[in-house]
C-alpha cells in the first residue's frame, strides 16, 4: 500500500458507496451500503467487481445515535469496532476505535468543526453547493490512545463527489493499518449521513 490513499465517496448513487485506492491507483477496497436494512451494514470488497469480499461492517443495534460498528472478517471474526462519541460529537465529530478484544486503540477527531458545519449547510443549496465543495473542506486526525498521530484525513475540493486524502503520519502500528482504514471508511459514511 502506497500513501497517500484516496477515498472517493459517491454522492450521486442509490446506495452510498466509496472506493479506496492507493497512490499508484491500485484498488484497496470498495464499500457499498446495504439497502433496506434496519441495522446499518456495509459490505467491503477488494474492488468494484465485488468478487472478493474483505469484510462487513455491522451496527450493533437498530439505527441509533450511539451504535457501535463492528468490523467482521469473512471468517465471521470481529477484528475491531468504531463508536461515535455521544452528545459531545454533535459539534465536533469524535469516534473511538477499538481492537477485537474491545481495548481502546485510537481516537478519530474532527480538526475543523466549523468547516463541516458550513459544508453541510451551504452544500445543499442548489448551485451554491457546487462551489461550497471548493471552499469548506473538513479534516480529521486519527491518534492512538497515547496521543500519537497516525493518520490525517482531508476532504479535497471536488465537484460531483467527496474525495478524501488519507495521509499516514507515523509508521508505528502497521499491523493496525486495516483496522484504521476501516474505521476511517465507516466514519466517512456516518459523517456524510449527518450532512
C-alpha atoms as a PDB file:
ATOM      1  CA  UNK A   1       0.000   0.000   0.000  1.00  0.00           C
ATOM      2  CA  UNK A   2       1.395   3.364  -1.033  1.00  0.00           C
ATOM      3  CA  UNK A   3       0.317   6.525   0.761  1.00  0.00           C
ATOM      4  CA  UNK A   4      -1.489   8.891   0.455  1.00  0.00           C
ATOM      5  CA  UNK A   5      -4.682   6.913  -0.010  1.00  0.00           C
ATOM      6  CA  UNK A   6      -7.598   8.406  -1.903  1.00  0.00           C
ATOM      7  CA  UNK A   7     -11.127   7.766  -0.619  1.00  0.00           C
ATOM      8  CA  UNK A   8     -13.770   8.654  -3.194  1.00  0.00           C
ATOM      9  CA  UNK A   9     -17.264   8.835  -1.678  1.00  0.00           C
ATOM     10  CA  UNK A  10     -20.061   8.862  -4.270  1.00  0.00           C
ATOM     11  CA  UNK A  11     -22.786  11.427  -3.611  1.00  0.00           C
ATOM     12  CA  UNK A  12     -24.940  10.557  -6.611  1.00  0.00           C
ATOM     13  CA  UNK A  13     -25.846   6.897  -6.099  1.00  0.00           C
ATOM     14  CA  UNK A  14     -28.847   4.896  -4.905  1.00  0.00           C
ATOM     15  CA  UNK A  15     -26.782   3.086  -2.280  1.00  0.00           C
ATOM     16  CA  UNK A  16     -23.973   5.066  -0.669  1.00  0.00           C
ATOM     17  CA  UNK A  17     -20.601   3.789  -1.805  1.00  0.00           C
ATOM     18  CA  UNK A  18     -16.916   4.593  -1.505  1.00  0.00           C
ATOM     19  CA  UNK A  19     -13.715   3.486  -3.185  1.00  0.00           C
ATOM     20  CA  UNK A  20     -10.255   3.409  -1.585  1.00  0.00           C
ATOM     21  CA  UNK A  21      -7.181   3.467  -3.829  1.00  0.00           C
ATOM     22  CA  UNK A  22      -3.504   3.947  -3.045  1.00  0.00           C
ATOM     23  CA  UNK A  23      -1.069   6.492  -4.531  1.00  0.00           C
ATOM     24  CA  UNK A  24      -0.349   4.223  -7.517  1.00  0.00           C
ATOM     25  CA  UNK A  25      -4.081   3.988  -8.311  1.00  0.00           C
ATOM     26  CA  UNK A  26      -4.388   0.366  -7.189  1.00  0.00           C
ATOM     27  CA  UNK A  27      -7.726  -0.505  -5.592  1.00  0.00           C
ATOM     28  CA  UNK A  28      -7.574  -1.222  -1.861  1.00  0.00           C
ATOM     29  CA  UNK A  29     -11.275  -1.513  -1.086  1.00  0.00           C
ATOM     30  CA  UNK A  30     -14.750  -0.766  -2.383  1.00  0.00           C
ATOM     31  CA  UNK A  31     -17.569  -0.326   0.147  1.00  0.00           C
ATOM     32  CA  UNK A  32     -21.281  -0.319  -0.522  1.00  0.00           C
ATOM     33  CA  UNK A  33     -24.090   0.228   1.960  1.00  0.00           C
ATOM     34  CA  UNK A  34     -26.750  -2.457   2.038  1.00  0.00           C
ATOM     35  CA  UNK A  35     -30.184  -1.014   1.304  1.00  0.00           C
ATOM     36  CA  UNK A  36     -33.348  -1.578   3.333  1.00  0.00           C
ATOM     37  CA  UNK A  37     -31.638  -2.811   6.496  1.00  0.00           C
ATOM     38  CA  UNK A  38     -32.812  -1.862   9.988  1.00  0.00           C
ATOM     39  CA  UNK A  39     -29.273  -2.243  11.285  1.00  0.00           C
ATOM     40  CA  UNK A  40     -26.798  -0.320   9.181  1.00  0.00           C
ATOM     41  CA  UNK A  41     -24.427  -2.584   7.259  1.00  0.00           C
ATOM     42  CA  UNK A  42     -21.591  -2.022   4.783  1.00  0.00           C
ATOM     43  CA  UNK A  43     -20.025  -4.666   2.614  1.00  0.00           C
ATOM     44  CA  UNK A  44     -16.348  -4.090   1.823  1.00  0.00           C
ATOM     45  CA  UNK A  45     -14.834  -5.711  -1.277  1.00  0.00           C
ATOM     46  CA  UNK A  46     -11.346  -5.680  -2.838  1.00  0.00           C
ATOM     47  CA  UNK A  47     -12.612  -3.686  -5.863  1.00  0.00           C
ATOM     48  CA  UNK A  48     -15.738  -2.616  -7.758  1.00  0.00           C
ATOM     49  CA  UNK A  49     -16.175  -6.048  -9.351  1.00  0.00           C
ATOM     50  CA  UNK A  50     -17.294  -7.277  -5.883  1.00  0.00           C
ATOM     51  CA  UNK A  51     -15.728 -10.709  -6.448  1.00  0.00           C
ATOM     52  CA  UNK A  52     -13.567 -10.760  -3.308  1.00  0.00           C
ATOM     53  CA  UNK A  53     -15.262  -9.717  -0.068  1.00  0.00           C
ATOM     54  CA  UNK A  54     -12.871  -8.354   2.568  1.00  0.00           C
ATOM     55  CA  UNK A  55     -15.213  -7.736   5.478  1.00  0.00           C
ATOM     56  CA  UNK A  56     -18.585  -6.470   6.618  1.00  0.00           C
ATOM     57  CA  UNK A  57     -19.153  -3.512   8.913  1.00  0.00           C
ATOM     58  CA  UNK A  58     -22.272  -4.048  11.042  1.00  0.00           C
ATOM     59  CA  UNK A  59     -24.102  -1.860  13.551  1.00  0.00           C
ATOM     60  CA  UNK A  60     -24.694  -3.489  16.926  1.00  0.00           C
ATOM     61  CA  UNK A  61     -28.229  -2.101  17.172  1.00  0.00           C
ATOM     62  CA  UNK A  62     -31.067  -0.686  15.107  1.00  0.00           C
ATOM     63  CA  UNK A  63     -30.387   2.833  13.837  1.00  0.00           C
ATOM     64  CA  UNK A  64     -29.195   4.682  16.909  1.00  0.00           C
ATOM     65  CA  UNK A  65     -27.095   7.696  17.765  1.00  0.00           C
ATOM     66  CA  UNK A  66     -24.752   5.598  19.935  1.00  0.00           C
ATOM     67  CA  UNK A  67     -24.403   2.467  17.823  1.00  0.00           C
ATOM     68  CA  UNK A  68     -21.043   0.718  17.634  1.00  0.00           C
ATOM     69  CA  UNK A  69     -19.963  -0.655  14.266  1.00  0.00           C
ATOM     70  CA  UNK A  70     -18.093  -3.956  14.269  1.00  0.00           C
ATOM     71  CA  UNK A  71     -15.625  -4.979  11.568  1.00  0.00           C
ATOM     72  CA  UNK A  72     -16.323  -8.631  10.766  1.00  0.00           C
ATOM     73  CA  UNK A  73     -13.986 -10.686   8.547  1.00  0.00           C
ATOM     74  CA  UNK A  74     -15.160 -13.261   6.014  1.00  0.00           C
ATOM     75  CA  UNK A  75     -14.431 -15.943   8.637  1.00  0.00           C
ATOM     76  CA  UNK A  76     -17.027 -14.185  10.884  1.00  0.00           C
ATOM     77  CA  UNK A  77     -14.278 -12.968  13.259  1.00  0.00           C
ATOM     78  CA  UNK A  78     -14.625  -9.472  14.729  1.00  0.00           C
ATOM     79  CA  UNK A  79     -11.312  -7.623  14.272  1.00  0.00           C
ATOM     80  CA  UNK A  80     -12.326  -4.249  15.697  1.00  0.00           C
ATOM     81  CA  UNK A  81     -15.048  -1.640  16.021  1.00  0.00           C
ATOM     82  CA  UNK A  82     -15.724   2.080  15.923  1.00  0.00           C
ATOM     83  CA  UNK A  83     -18.175   4.060  18.025  1.00  0.00           C
ATOM     84  CA  UNK A  84     -19.205   7.681  17.806  1.00  0.00           C
ATOM     85  CA  UNK A  85     -18.939   9.720  20.976  1.00  0.00           C
ATOM     86  CA  UNK A  86     -22.381  10.843  22.185  1.00  0.00           C
ATOM     87  CA  UNK A  87     -23.574  14.419  22.597  1.00  0.00           C
ATOM     88  CA  UNK A  88     -20.086  15.899  22.520  1.00  0.00           C
ATOM     89  CA  UNK A  89     -19.916  14.669  18.963  1.00  0.00           C
ATOM     90  CA  UNK A  90     -22.735  16.960  17.791  1.00  0.00           C
ATOM     91  CA  UNK A  91     -20.366  19.894  17.355  1.00  0.00           C
ATOM     92  CA  UNK A  92     -17.019  18.187  16.799  1.00  0.00           C
ATOM     93  CA  UNK A  93     -17.102  14.637  15.446  1.00  0.00           C
ATOM     94  CA  UNK A  94     -15.237  12.192  17.682  1.00  0.00           C
ATOM     95  CA  UNK A  95     -15.016   8.436  17.164  1.00  0.00           C
ATOM     96  CA  UNK A  96     -13.315   5.751  19.256  1.00  0.00           C
ATOM     97  CA  UNK A  97     -11.605   2.840  17.519  1.00  0.00           C
ATOM     98  CA  UNK A  98     -11.264  -0.439  19.419  1.00  0.00           C
ATOM     99  CA  UNK A  99      -9.366  -3.659  18.792  1.00  0.00           C
ATOM    100  CA  UNK A 100     -11.011  -7.097  18.530  1.00  0.00           C
ATOM    101  CA  UNK A 101     -10.936  -7.584  22.315  1.00  0.00           C
ATOM    102  CA  UNK A 102     -12.643  -4.212  22.923  1.00  0.00           C
ATOM    103  CA  UNK A 103      -9.495  -2.421  24.096  1.00  0.00           C
ATOM    104  CA  UNK A 104      -9.308   1.271  23.110  1.00  0.00           C
ATOM    105  CA  UNK A 105      -6.774   1.756  20.328  1.00  0.00           C
ATOM    106  CA  UNK A 106      -7.303   5.165  18.733  1.00  0.00           C
ATOM    107  CA  UNK A 107      -9.483   8.266  18.536  1.00  0.00           C
ATOM    108  CA  UNK A 108     -10.626   9.952  15.347  1.00  0.00           C
ATOM    109  CA  UNK A 109     -11.374  13.668  15.836  1.00  0.00           C
ATOM    110  CA  UNK A 110     -12.502  16.422  13.561  1.00  0.00           C
ATOM    111  CA  UNK A 111      -9.881  19.169  13.337  1.00  0.00           C
ATOM    112  CA  UNK A 112     -12.042  21.999  11.929  1.00  0.00           C
ATOM    113  CA  UNK A 113     -15.679  21.605  13.030  1.00  0.00           C
ATOM    114  CA  UNK A 114     -16.781  24.939  11.572  1.00  0.00           C
ATOM    115  CA  UNK A 115     -15.747  23.811   8.068  1.00  0.00           C
ATOM    116  CA  UNK A 116     -18.103  20.817   8.317  1.00  0.00           C
ATOM    117  CA  UNK A 117     -20.982  22.996   9.541  1.00  0.00           C
ATOM    118  CA  UNK A 118     -20.615  25.365   6.578  1.00  0.00           C
ATOM    119  CA  UNK A 119     -20.111  22.452   4.173  1.00  0.00           C
ATOM    120  CA  UNK A 120     -23.316  20.761   5.390  1.00  0.00           C
ATOM    121  CA  UNK A 121     -25.361  23.983   5.434  1.00  0.00           C
ATOM    122  CA  UNK A 122     -24.324  25.517   2.116  1.00  0.00           C
ATOM    123  CA  UNK A 123     -23.702  22.210   0.355  1.00  0.00           C
ATOM    124  CA  UNK A 124     -27.438  21.521  -0.011  1.00  0.00           C
ATOM    125  CA  UNK A 125     -28.254  24.839  -1.691  1.00  0.00           C
ATOM    126  CA  UNK A 126     -28.522  24.441  -5.490  1.00  0.00           C
ATOM    127  CA  UNK A 127     -25.533  25.920  -7.390  1.00  0.00           C
ATOM    128  CA  UNK A 128     -24.057  27.323  -4.169  1.00  0.00           C
ATOM    129  CA  UNK A 129     -23.361  23.740  -3.078  1.00  0.00           C
ATOM    130  CA  UNK A 130     -21.134  23.166  -6.112  1.00  0.00           C
ATOM    131  CA  UNK A 131     -18.824  25.978  -5.068  1.00  0.00           C
ATOM    132  CA  UNK A 132     -19.082  25.051  -1.399  1.00  0.00           C
ATOM    133  CA  UNK A 133     -17.139  21.842  -2.145  1.00  0.00           C
ATOM    134  CA  UNK A 134     -14.161  24.005  -3.107  1.00  0.00           C
ATOM    135  CA  UNK A 135     -14.180  26.234  -0.026  1.00  0.00           C
ATOM    136  CA  UNK A 136     -15.178  24.224   3.063  1.00  0.00           C
ATOM    137  CA  UNK A 137     -13.112  21.088   3.472  1.00  0.00           C
ATOM    138  CA  UNK A 138     -13.172  19.369   6.874  1.00  0.00           C
ATOM    139  CA  UNK A 139     -10.181  17.383   8.124  1.00  0.00           C
ATOM    140  CA  UNK A 140      -9.806  14.668  10.758  1.00  0.00           C
ATOM    141  CA  UNK A 141      -6.903  13.338  12.812  1.00  0.00           C
ATOM    142  CA  UNK A 142      -6.560   9.734  13.991  1.00  0.00           C
ATOM    143  CA  UNK A 143      -4.390   9.401  17.097  1.00  0.00           C
ATOM    144  CA  UNK A 144      -3.557   6.430  19.326  1.00  0.00           C
ATOM    145  CA  UNK A 145      -4.859   6.274  22.894  1.00  0.00           C
ATOM    146  CA  UNK A 146      -1.467   7.689  23.942  1.00  0.00           C
ATOM    147  CA  UNK A 147      -1.937  10.726  21.652  1.00  0.00           C
ATOM    148  CA  UNK A 148       0.458   9.619  18.901  1.00  0.00           C
ATOM    149  CA  UNK A 149      -0.842  10.839  15.485  1.00  0.00           C
ATOM    150  CA  UNK A 150      -1.260   8.034  12.925  1.00  0.00           C
ATOM    151  CA  UNK A 151      -3.378   9.389  10.043  1.00  0.00           C
ATOM    152  CA  UNK A 152      -4.758  12.708   8.780  1.00  0.00           C
ATOM    153  CA  UNK A 153      -7.873  12.686   6.604  1.00  0.00           C
ATOM    154  CA  UNK A 154      -8.595  15.769   4.482  1.00  0.00           C
ATOM    155  CA  UNK A 155     -11.536  16.426   2.196  1.00  0.00           C
ATOM    156  CA  UNK A 156     -10.330  17.707  -1.175  1.00  0.00           C
ATOM    157  CA  UNK A 157     -12.185  20.097  -3.491  1.00  0.00           C
ATOM    158  CA  UNK A 158     -14.464  18.054  -5.780  1.00  0.00           C
ATOM    159  CA  UNK A 159     -17.482  18.821  -7.960  1.00  0.00           C
ATOM    160  CA  UNK A 160     -19.597  15.643  -8.045  1.00  0.00           C
ATOM    161  CA  UNK A 161     -18.323  13.548  -5.191  1.00  0.00           C
ATOM    162  CA  UNK A 162     -16.450  13.779  -1.965  1.00  0.00           C
ATOM    163  CA  UNK A 163     -12.776  12.965  -2.259  1.00  0.00           C
ATOM    164  CA  UNK A 164     -10.713  12.480   0.881  1.00  0.00           C
ATOM    165  CA  UNK A 165      -6.951  12.006   1.056  1.00  0.00           C
ATOM    166  CA  UNK A 166      -5.623   9.807   3.854  1.00  0.00           C
ATOM    167  CA  UNK A 167      -2.065  10.663   4.814  1.00  0.00           C
ATOM    168  CA  UNK A 168      -0.042   8.354   7.045  1.00  0.00           C
ATOM    169  CA  UNK A 169       1.796  10.354   9.709  1.00  0.00           C
ATOM    170  CA  UNK A 170       3.559   7.546  11.539  1.00  0.00           C
ATOM    171  CA  UNK A 171       4.878   4.078  10.659  1.00  0.00           C
ATOM    172  CA  UNK A 172       4.260   2.578  14.086  1.00  0.00           C
ATOM    173  CA  UNK A 173       1.307   0.203  14.478  1.00  0.00           C
ATOM    174  CA  UNK A 174       1.487  -1.012  10.845  1.00  0.00           C
ATOM    175  CA  UNK A 175      -0.343  -4.151  11.947  1.00  0.00           C
ATOM    176  CA  UNK A 176      -3.364  -1.930  12.655  1.00  0.00           C
ATOM    177  CA  UNK A 177      -3.499  -0.168   9.245  1.00  0.00           C
ATOM    178  CA  UNK A 178      -6.525  -2.183   8.053  1.00  0.00           C
ATOM    179  CA  UNK A 179      -8.351  -1.533  11.336  1.00  0.00           C
ATOM    180  CA  UNK A 180      -7.626   2.201  10.966  1.00  0.00           C
ATOM    181  CA  UNK A 181      -8.706   2.306   7.310  1.00  0.00           C
ATOM    182  CA  UNK A 182     -11.985   0.501   8.063  1.00  0.00           C
ATOM    183  CA  UNK A 183     -12.597   2.970  10.910  1.00  0.00           C
ATOM    184  CA  UNK A 184     -11.916   5.930   8.618  1.00  0.00           C
ATOM    185  CA  UNK A 185     -14.186   4.443   5.951  1.00  0.00           C
ATOM    186  CA  UNK A 186     -17.071   3.977   8.403  1.00  0.00           C
ATOM    187  CA  UNK A 187     -16.538   7.463   9.848  1.00  0.00           C
ATOM    188  CA  UNK A 188     -16.867   8.985   6.367  1.00  0.00           C
ATOM    189  CA  UNK A 189     -20.112   7.056   5.765  1.00  0.00           C
ATOM    190  CA  UNK A 190     -21.519   8.205   9.115  1.00  0.00           C
ATOM    191  CA  UNK A 191     -20.441  11.832   8.691  1.00  0.00           C
ATOM    192  CA  UNK A 192     -21.897  12.010   5.176  1.00  0.00           C
ATOM    193  CA  UNK A 193     -25.223  10.715   6.525  1.00  0.00           C
ATOM    194  CA  UNK A 194     -25.147  13.531   9.110  1.00  0.00           C
ATOM    195  CA  UNK A 195     -24.694  16.158   6.414  1.00  0.00           C
END
